[in-house]
């Protein structure tokens, strides 16, 4: 299903949640609910202190993968619009990494679609994360729990 109100950005700059939700709702008087998820950099992961996280992506491929995810969400849920912003580059603890915002007429569809998109994004979008810890730099592998979250939607992770 084609979803006319969609926005995808891969950027180094931070984003403003309020501004993004306003843009999502603009010109859509049928919107009765917006669900948003903002992911941030933690200062610890797998027992180690994290000083910096670097995110890389494959330009063009990443946006196409996210666009396909939005198409799938539109097939599954009664949604009116989606905004996905994912940051790349060097990020510090507490920096915002990702925004997934979904508009719908009703909250249940917005909640479900937002969760679906975040589960899909976490496992299927071509991003690579490297953490800088006191022990040195390390690439972050996919988590079994993320694959399990995607599996509950009936999708097998490609990295499983």
N, C-alpha and C. Protein backbone atom coordinates (compact mmCIF):
# COMPACT_ATOMS: atom_id res chain seq x y z
N UNK A 1 0.84 -1.18 0.00
CA UNK A 1 0.00 0.00 0.00
C UNK A 1 0.88 1.24 0.00
N UNK A 2 0.58 2.17 -0.87
CA UNK A 2 1.35 3.41 -0.93
C UNK A 2 0.92 4.33 0.20
N UNK A 3 1.87 4.82 0.93
CA UNK A 3 1.62 5.74 2.03
C UNK A 3 2.19 7.09 1.62
N UNK A 4 1.32 8.06 1.36
CA UNK A 4 1.74 9.35 0.83
C UNK A 4 2.56 10.16 1.83
N UNK A 5 2.21 10.10 3.10
CA UNK A 5 2.88 10.91 4.10
C UNK A 5 3.99 10.10 4.77
N UNK A 6 5.16 10.17 4.16
CA UNK A 6 6.33 9.48 4.71
C UNK A 6 7.53 10.39 4.58
N UNK A 7 8.42 10.26 5.52
CA UNK A 7 9.64 11.05 5.51
C UNK A 7 10.75 10.17 6.08
N UNK A 8 11.86 10.11 5.38
CA UNK A 8 13.02 9.34 5.81
C UNK A 8 14.24 10.25 5.72
N UNK A 9 15.02 10.31 6.79
CA UNK A 9 16.25 11.09 6.77
C UNK A 9 17.34 10.33 7.50
N UNK A 10 18.50 10.27 6.87
CA UNK A 10 19.72 9.76 7.49
C UNK A 10 20.61 10.98 7.60
N UNK A 11 21.00 11.35 8.83
CA UNK A 11 21.67 12.63 9.00
C UNK A 11 22.61 12.60 10.20
N UNK A 12 23.54 13.54 10.21
CA UNK A 12 24.44 13.70 11.35
C UNK A 12 23.83 14.64 12.38
N UNK A 13 22.95 15.55 11.94
CA UNK A 13 22.36 16.55 12.84
C UNK A 13 21.35 15.91 13.78
N UNK A 14 21.17 16.54 14.94
CA UNK A 14 20.15 16.13 15.89
C UNK A 14 18.78 16.50 15.32
N UNK A 15 17.72 16.01 15.95
CA UNK A 15 16.37 16.31 15.53
C UNK A 15 15.56 16.78 16.73
N UNK A 16 14.45 17.47 16.46
CA UNK A 16 13.57 17.98 17.49
C UNK A 16 12.26 17.21 17.42
N UNK A 17 11.95 16.45 18.47
CA UNK A 17 10.77 15.60 18.49
C UNK A 17 9.50 16.41 18.22
N UNK A 18 9.33 17.53 18.89
CA UNK A 18 8.13 18.34 18.71
C UNK A 18 7.96 18.80 17.28
N UNK A 19 9.03 19.25 16.68
CA UNK A 19 8.99 19.72 15.29
C UNK A 19 8.63 18.56 14.35
N UNK A 20 9.18 17.39 14.61
CA UNK A 20 8.91 16.24 13.74
C UNK A 20 7.47 15.77 13.86
N UNK A 21 6.92 15.76 15.06
CA UNK A 21 5.51 15.35 15.24
C UNK A 21 4.59 16.38 14.58
N UNK A 22 4.91 17.66 14.70
CA UNK A 22 4.11 18.69 14.03
C UNK A 22 4.12 18.48 12.53
N UNK A 23 5.28 18.19 11.97
CA UNK A 23 5.38 17.94 10.52
C UNK A 23 4.60 16.70 10.12
N UNK A 24 4.62 15.66 10.95
CA UNK A 24 3.89 14.43 10.65
C UNK A 24 2.38 14.67 10.60
N UNK A 25 1.89 15.51 11.48
CA UNK A 25 0.44 15.77 11.56
C UNK A 25 -0.04 16.82 10.57
N UNK A 26 0.85 17.62 10.03
CA UNK A 26 0.48 18.75 9.18
C UNK A 26 -0.38 18.32 7.99
N UNK A 27 -1.51 19.01 7.84
CA UNK A 27 -2.38 18.75 6.70
C UNK A 27 -3.13 17.43 6.75
N UNK A 28 -3.17 16.80 7.92
CA UNK A 28 -3.84 15.51 8.05
C UNK A 28 -4.87 15.58 9.19
N UNK A 29 -6.04 16.15 8.94
CA UNK A 29 -7.03 16.30 10.01
C UNK A 29 -7.61 14.97 10.51
N UNK A 30 -7.38 13.88 9.80
CA UNK A 30 -7.89 12.58 10.25
C UNK A 30 -6.99 11.92 11.29
N UNK A 31 -5.81 12.51 11.56
CA UNK A 31 -4.90 11.96 12.56
C UNK A 31 -5.52 12.13 13.94
N UNK A 32 -5.67 11.00 14.64
CA UNK A 32 -6.17 11.02 16.01
C UNK A 32 -5.14 10.54 17.00
N UNK A 33 -4.02 10.01 16.51
CA UNK A 33 -3.00 9.48 17.40
C UNK A 33 -1.64 9.55 16.72
N UNK A 34 -0.64 9.84 17.52
CA UNK A 34 0.76 9.78 17.07
C UNK A 34 1.52 9.00 18.13
N UNK A 35 2.25 8.00 17.68
CA UNK A 35 3.13 7.25 18.56
C UNK A 35 4.55 7.50 18.09
N UNK A 36 5.44 7.80 19.04
CA UNK A 36 6.82 8.09 18.67
C UNK A 36 7.78 7.35 19.59
N UNK A 37 8.87 6.90 19.00
CA UNK A 37 9.95 6.27 19.75
C UNK A 37 11.22 7.04 19.45
N UNK A 38 11.96 7.40 20.50
CA UNK A 38 13.26 8.04 20.35
C UNK A 38 14.28 7.15 21.04
N UNK A 39 15.26 6.69 20.30
CA UNK A 39 16.35 5.90 20.87
C UNK A 39 17.55 6.80 21.13
N UNK A 40 18.23 6.55 22.26
CA UNK A 40 19.39 7.35 22.64
C UNK A 40 20.60 6.46 22.92
N UNK A 41 21.76 7.07 22.91
CA UNK A 41 23.01 6.35 23.20
C UNK A 41 23.11 6.15 24.71
N UNK A 42 23.33 4.90 25.11
CA UNK A 42 23.56 4.57 26.52
C UNK A 42 25.06 4.71 26.84
N UNK A 43 25.35 4.92 28.10
CA UNK A 43 26.75 5.03 28.51
C UNK A 43 27.38 3.68 28.84
N UNK A 44 26.57 2.61 28.76
CA UNK A 44 27.06 1.26 29.04
C UNK A 44 26.41 0.28 28.07
N UNK A 45 27.14 -0.74 27.69
CA UNK A 45 26.59 -1.80 26.87
C UNK A 45 27.41 -3.07 27.11
N UNK A 46 26.71 -4.15 27.32
CA UNK A 46 27.37 -5.45 27.57
C UNK A 46 28.44 -5.34 28.66
N UNK A 47 28.13 -4.58 29.72
CA UNK A 47 29.03 -4.49 30.86
C UNK A 47 30.19 -3.52 30.71
N UNK A 48 30.30 -2.85 29.58
CA UNK A 48 31.42 -1.93 29.37
C UNK A 48 30.91 -0.49 29.26
N UNK A 49 31.74 0.42 29.71
CA UNK A 49 31.45 1.84 29.58
C UNK A 49 31.61 2.24 28.11
N UNK A 50 30.68 3.04 27.61
CA UNK A 50 30.74 3.49 26.22
C UNK A 50 30.99 5.00 26.21
N UNK A 51 32.10 5.40 25.60
CA UNK A 51 32.44 6.82 25.51
C UNK A 51 31.82 7.45 24.27
N UNK A 52 31.85 6.73 23.16
CA UNK A 52 31.34 7.22 21.89
C UNK A 52 30.80 6.04 21.09
N UNK A 53 29.77 6.31 20.30
CA UNK A 53 29.27 5.32 19.36
C UNK A 53 29.34 5.93 17.96
N UNK A 54 29.89 5.17 17.03
CA UNK A 54 29.92 5.61 15.64
C UNK A 54 28.92 4.78 14.85
N UNK A 55 28.10 5.46 14.06
CA UNK A 55 27.13 4.76 13.21
C UNK A 55 27.46 5.04 11.75
N UNK A 56 27.49 3.98 10.97
CA UNK A 56 27.73 4.08 9.53
C UNK A 56 26.55 3.46 8.80
N UNK A 57 26.38 3.86 7.54
CA UNK A 57 25.31 3.29 6.73
C UNK A 57 25.77 3.24 5.28
N UNK A 58 24.96 2.60 4.48
CA UNK A 58 25.22 2.50 3.05
C UNK A 58 24.25 3.43 2.36
N UNK A 59 24.69 4.64 1.96
CA UNK A 59 23.78 5.63 1.37
C UNK A 59 22.99 5.05 0.18
N UNK A 60 21.73 5.38 0.14
CA UNK A 60 20.85 4.87 -0.91
C UNK A 60 20.23 3.55 -0.51
N UNK A 61 21.04 2.58 -0.18
CA UNK A 61 20.54 1.27 0.24
C UNK A 61 19.77 1.39 1.56
N UNK A 62 20.29 2.16 2.48
CA UNK A 62 19.63 2.31 3.78
C UNK A 62 18.25 2.94 3.62
N UNK A 63 18.18 4.02 2.85
CA UNK A 63 16.90 4.69 2.65
C UNK A 63 15.89 3.77 1.95
N UNK A 64 16.35 3.00 0.97
CA UNK A 64 15.45 2.05 0.28
C UNK A 64 14.95 0.97 1.24
N UNK A 65 15.81 0.49 2.12
CA UNK A 65 15.39 -0.52 3.10
C UNK A 65 14.34 0.05 4.04
N UNK A 66 14.53 1.27 4.50
CA UNK A 66 13.55 1.89 5.41
C UNK A 66 12.24 2.15 4.67
N UNK A 67 12.32 2.58 3.42
CA UNK A 67 11.12 2.80 2.63
C UNK A 67 10.32 1.51 2.48
N UNK A 68 11.01 0.40 2.26
CA UNK A 68 10.33 -0.90 2.16
C UNK A 68 9.69 -1.29 3.50
N UNK A 69 10.36 -0.95 4.61
CA UNK A 69 9.80 -1.22 5.93
C UNK A 69 8.50 -0.44 6.14
N UNK A 70 8.49 0.80 5.69
CA UNK A 70 7.29 1.62 5.81
C UNK A 70 6.16 1.04 4.96
N UNK A 71 6.49 0.58 3.76
CA UNK A 71 5.47 -0.08 2.92
C UNK A 71 4.87 -1.28 3.65
N UNK A 72 5.72 -2.07 4.28
CA UNK A 72 5.22 -3.25 5.01
C UNK A 72 4.34 -2.84 6.19
N UNK A 73 4.74 -1.81 6.90
CA UNK A 73 3.91 -1.31 8.01
C UNK A 73 2.56 -0.83 7.50
N UNK A 74 2.54 -0.17 6.36
CA UNK A 74 1.28 0.33 5.79
C UNK A 74 0.37 -0.82 5.35
N UNK A 75 0.97 -1.95 4.96
CA UNK A 75 0.16 -3.13 4.61
C UNK A 75 -0.46 -3.76 5.85
N UNK A 76 0.25 -3.71 6.96
CA UNK A 76 -0.19 -4.38 8.18
C UNK A 76 -1.09 -3.54 9.08
N UNK A 77 -0.92 -2.23 9.03
CA UNK A 77 -1.59 -1.35 9.99
C UNK A 77 -2.29 -0.21 9.26
N UNK A 78 -3.35 0.30 9.87
CA UNK A 78 -4.10 1.42 9.32
C UNK A 78 -3.44 2.71 9.78
N UNK A 79 -2.41 3.13 9.03
CA UNK A 79 -1.64 4.30 9.42
C UNK A 79 -1.77 5.39 8.34
N UNK A 80 -1.52 6.62 8.77
CA UNK A 80 -1.68 7.77 7.89
C UNK A 80 -0.36 8.43 7.53
N UNK A 81 0.68 8.20 8.30
CA UNK A 81 1.97 8.81 8.02
C UNK A 81 3.06 8.25 8.92
N UNK A 82 4.30 8.36 8.42
CA UNK A 82 5.47 7.86 9.15
C UNK A 82 6.63 8.82 8.93
N UNK A 83 7.38 9.05 9.99
CA UNK A 83 8.66 9.77 9.89
C UNK A 83 9.72 8.91 10.56
N UNK A 84 10.81 8.67 9.85
CA UNK A 84 11.95 7.93 10.40
C UNK A 84 13.19 8.79 10.19
N UNK A 85 13.85 9.09 11.28
CA UNK A 85 15.12 9.81 11.22
C UNK A 85 16.14 8.96 11.95
N UNK A 86 17.27 8.71 11.31
CA UNK A 86 18.34 7.94 11.93
C UNK A 86 19.63 8.73 11.76
N UNK A 87 20.30 8.93 12.86
CA UNK A 87 21.56 9.66 12.82
C UNK A 87 22.72 8.73 12.53
N UNK A 88 23.76 9.29 11.93
CA UNK A 88 25.01 8.59 11.68
C UNK A 88 26.15 9.50 12.14
N UNK A 89 27.34 8.93 12.19
CA UNK A 89 28.50 9.67 12.66
C UNK A 89 28.78 9.34 14.12
N UNK A 90 29.59 10.18 14.74
CA UNK A 90 29.99 9.96 16.13
C UNK A 90 28.94 10.56 17.07
N UNK A 91 28.48 9.75 18.01
CA UNK A 91 27.47 10.17 18.98
C UNK A 91 27.96 9.86 20.39
N UNK A 92 27.53 10.69 21.33
CA UNK A 92 27.92 10.55 22.73
C UNK A 92 26.75 10.00 23.54
N UNK A 93 27.02 9.45 24.73
CA UNK A 93 25.92 9.04 25.60
C UNK A 93 24.91 10.17 25.78
N UNK A 94 23.66 9.80 25.75
CA UNK A 94 22.48 10.66 25.85
C UNK A 94 22.10 11.34 24.53
N UNK A 95 22.93 11.25 23.50
CA UNK A 95 22.54 11.79 22.19
C UNK A 95 21.40 10.96 21.62
N UNK A 96 20.52 11.62 20.89
CA UNK A 96 19.45 10.91 20.19
C UNK A 96 20.03 10.21 18.97
N UNK A 97 19.60 8.97 18.75
CA UNK A 97 20.05 8.20 17.60
C UNK A 97 18.95 8.11 16.54
N UNK A 98 17.75 7.74 16.98
CA UNK A 98 16.71 7.38 16.02
C UNK A 98 15.36 7.90 16.49
N UNK A 99 14.55 8.28 15.51
CA UNK A 99 13.15 8.63 15.75
C UNK A 99 12.30 7.81 14.78
N UNK A 100 11.30 7.15 15.32
CA UNK A 100 10.23 6.54 14.52
C UNK A 100 8.94 7.14 15.05
N UNK A 101 8.21 7.84 14.18
CA UNK A 101 6.93 8.45 14.56
C UNK A 101 5.88 8.01 13.56
N UNK A 102 4.73 7.58 14.08
CA UNK A 102 3.65 7.05 13.25
C UNK A 102 2.35 7.75 13.60
N UNK A 103 1.62 8.17 12.56
CA UNK A 103 0.31 8.80 12.73
C UNK A 103 -0.77 7.83 12.25
N UNK A 104 -1.87 7.81 12.99
CA UNK A 104 -3.01 6.97 12.66
C UNK A 104 -4.27 7.65 13.19
N UNK A 105 -5.41 7.13 12.80
CA UNK A 105 -6.67 7.64 13.34
C UNK A 105 -6.84 7.20 14.79
N UNK A 106 -6.26 6.04 15.15
CA UNK A 106 -6.46 5.47 16.48
C UNK A 106 -5.14 5.03 17.08
N UNK A 107 -5.04 5.10 18.41
CA UNK A 107 -3.76 4.85 19.09
C UNK A 107 -3.23 3.44 18.92
N UNK A 108 -4.11 2.44 18.92
CA UNK A 108 -3.63 1.06 18.82
C UNK A 108 -2.82 0.81 17.56
N UNK A 109 -3.31 1.30 16.44
CA UNK A 109 -2.59 1.12 15.18
C UNK A 109 -1.27 1.89 15.19
N UNK A 110 -1.29 3.10 15.77
CA UNK A 110 -0.06 3.90 15.85
C UNK A 110 0.99 3.21 16.72
N UNK A 111 0.56 2.71 17.91
CA UNK A 111 1.48 2.00 18.79
C UNK A 111 2.09 0.79 18.09
N UNK A 112 1.22 -0.04 17.52
CA UNK A 112 1.70 -1.28 16.88
C UNK A 112 2.63 -1.00 15.71
N UNK A 113 2.26 -0.06 14.86
CA UNK A 113 3.10 0.25 13.71
C UNK A 113 4.44 0.82 14.13
N UNK A 114 4.45 1.65 15.17
CA UNK A 114 5.71 2.21 15.66
C UNK A 114 6.62 1.10 16.19
N UNK A 115 6.05 0.20 16.96
CA UNK A 115 6.85 -0.91 17.50
C UNK A 115 7.34 -1.83 16.38
N UNK A 116 6.46 -2.13 15.43
CA UNK A 116 6.85 -2.94 14.28
C UNK A 116 8.01 -2.30 13.53
N UNK A 117 7.89 -1.02 13.24
CA UNK A 117 8.95 -0.33 12.48
C UNK A 117 10.26 -0.31 13.25
N UNK A 118 10.20 -0.12 14.56
CA UNK A 118 11.43 -0.10 15.35
C UNK A 118 12.07 -1.49 15.38
N UNK A 119 11.26 -2.54 15.54
CA UNK A 119 11.80 -3.90 15.52
C UNK A 119 12.44 -4.20 14.17
N UNK A 120 11.79 -3.80 13.12
CA UNK A 120 12.28 -4.03 11.76
C UNK A 120 13.57 -3.23 11.53
N UNK A 121 13.55 -1.97 11.93
CA UNK A 121 14.70 -1.09 11.74
C UNK A 121 15.92 -1.60 12.48
N UNK A 122 15.71 -2.09 13.68
CA UNK A 122 16.81 -2.55 14.53
C UNK A 122 17.56 -3.75 13.92
N UNK A 123 16.85 -4.56 13.15
CA UNK A 123 17.47 -5.78 12.64
C UNK A 123 17.71 -5.79 11.13
N UNK A 124 16.95 -5.02 10.37
CA UNK A 124 16.99 -5.16 8.92
C UNK A 124 17.61 -3.98 8.17
N UNK A 125 17.67 -2.82 8.77
CA UNK A 125 18.25 -1.66 8.08
C UNK A 125 19.77 -1.77 8.08
N UNK A 126 20.40 -1.44 6.96
CA UNK A 126 21.87 -1.56 6.88
C UNK A 126 22.61 -0.41 7.59
N UNK A 127 22.72 -0.56 8.90
CA UNK A 127 23.52 0.34 9.74
C UNK A 127 24.58 -0.50 10.44
N UNK A 128 25.72 0.11 10.70
CA UNK A 128 26.77 -0.56 11.44
C UNK A 128 27.16 0.35 12.60
N UNK A 129 27.27 -0.25 13.79
CA UNK A 129 27.58 0.51 15.00
C UNK A 129 28.91 0.05 15.58
N UNK A 130 29.73 1.02 15.92
CA UNK A 130 31.00 0.74 16.59
C UNK A 130 31.03 1.54 17.89
N UNK A 131 31.29 0.84 18.98
CA UNK A 131 31.39 1.49 20.29
C UNK A 131 32.86 1.67 20.65
N UNK A 132 33.14 2.81 21.26
CA UNK A 132 34.47 3.07 21.78
C UNK A 132 34.40 2.97 23.29
N UNK A 133 35.12 1.98 23.83
CA UNK A 133 35.12 1.69 25.26
C UNK A 133 36.55 1.85 25.79
N UNK A 134 36.73 1.84 27.11
CA UNK A 134 38.09 1.90 27.65
C UNK A 134 38.97 0.74 27.17
N UNK A 135 38.35 -0.39 26.80
CA UNK A 135 39.11 -1.54 26.31
C UNK A 135 39.40 -1.45 24.81
N UNK A 136 38.89 -0.43 24.15
CA UNK A 136 39.11 -0.26 22.71
C UNK A 136 37.79 -0.23 21.95
N UNK A 137 37.89 -0.12 20.64
CA UNK A 137 36.70 -0.06 19.78
C UNK A 137 36.21 -1.47 19.49
N UNK A 138 34.88 -1.58 19.36
CA UNK A 138 34.29 -2.88 19.02
C UNK A 138 33.02 -2.65 18.22
N UNK A 139 32.81 -3.52 17.23
CA UNK A 139 31.58 -3.49 16.45
C UNK A 139 30.47 -4.13 17.27
N UNK A 140 29.27 -3.59 17.16
CA UNK A 140 28.12 -4.10 17.90
C UNK A 140 27.41 -5.11 17.02
N UNK A 141 27.29 -6.33 17.51
CA UNK A 141 26.61 -7.40 16.79
C UNK A 141 25.10 -7.33 17.02
N UNK A 142 24.36 -7.95 16.13
CA UNK A 142 22.91 -8.06 16.31
C UNK A 142 22.63 -8.88 17.56
N UNK A 143 21.57 -8.53 18.25
CA UNK A 143 21.19 -9.24 19.48
C UNK A 143 20.14 -10.29 19.17
N UNK A 144 20.20 -11.39 19.86
CA UNK A 144 19.19 -12.44 19.73
C UNK A 144 17.82 -11.88 20.10
N UNK A 145 17.77 -11.01 21.12
CA UNK A 145 16.49 -10.44 21.55
C UNK A 145 15.86 -9.57 20.46
N UNK A 146 16.70 -8.89 19.66
CA UNK A 146 16.16 -8.09 18.55
C UNK A 146 15.58 -8.98 17.46
N UNK A 147 16.26 -10.09 17.18
CA UNK A 147 15.74 -11.05 16.20
C UNK A 147 14.43 -11.65 16.69
N UNK A 148 14.33 -11.93 18.00
CA UNK A 148 13.10 -12.49 18.57
C UNK A 148 11.96 -11.49 18.49
N UNK A 149 12.27 -10.20 18.70
CA UNK A 149 11.24 -9.16 18.60
C UNK A 149 10.68 -9.11 17.18
N UNK A 150 11.55 -9.22 16.19
CA UNK A 150 11.10 -9.22 14.80
C UNK A 150 10.31 -10.48 14.48
N UNK A 151 10.72 -11.61 15.04
CA UNK A 151 10.05 -12.89 14.76
C UNK A 151 8.59 -12.89 15.22
N UNK A 152 8.27 -12.14 16.25
CA UNK A 152 6.87 -12.13 16.70
C UNK A 152 5.95 -11.49 15.68
N UNK A 153 6.52 -10.76 14.70
CA UNK A 153 5.73 -10.19 13.61
C UNK A 153 5.68 -11.15 12.42
N UNK A 154 6.27 -12.34 12.59
CA UNK A 154 6.27 -13.33 11.51
C UNK A 154 7.38 -13.12 10.49
N UNK A 155 8.44 -12.43 10.90
CA UNK A 155 9.55 -12.14 10.00
C UNK A 155 10.82 -12.73 10.57
N UNK A 156 11.57 -13.45 9.76
CA UNK A 156 12.84 -14.01 10.18
C UNK A 156 13.94 -13.03 9.81
N UNK A 157 14.78 -12.69 10.77
CA UNK A 157 15.88 -11.76 10.54
C UNK A 157 16.84 -12.35 9.52
N UNK A 158 17.30 -11.50 8.62
CA UNK A 158 18.27 -11.95 7.60
C UNK A 158 19.63 -12.24 8.22
N UNK A 159 19.88 -11.70 9.40
CA UNK A 159 21.19 -11.92 10.03
C UNK A 159 21.15 -13.07 11.02
N UNK A 160 20.00 -13.77 11.10
CA UNK A 160 19.87 -14.87 12.07
C UNK A 160 20.61 -16.10 11.60
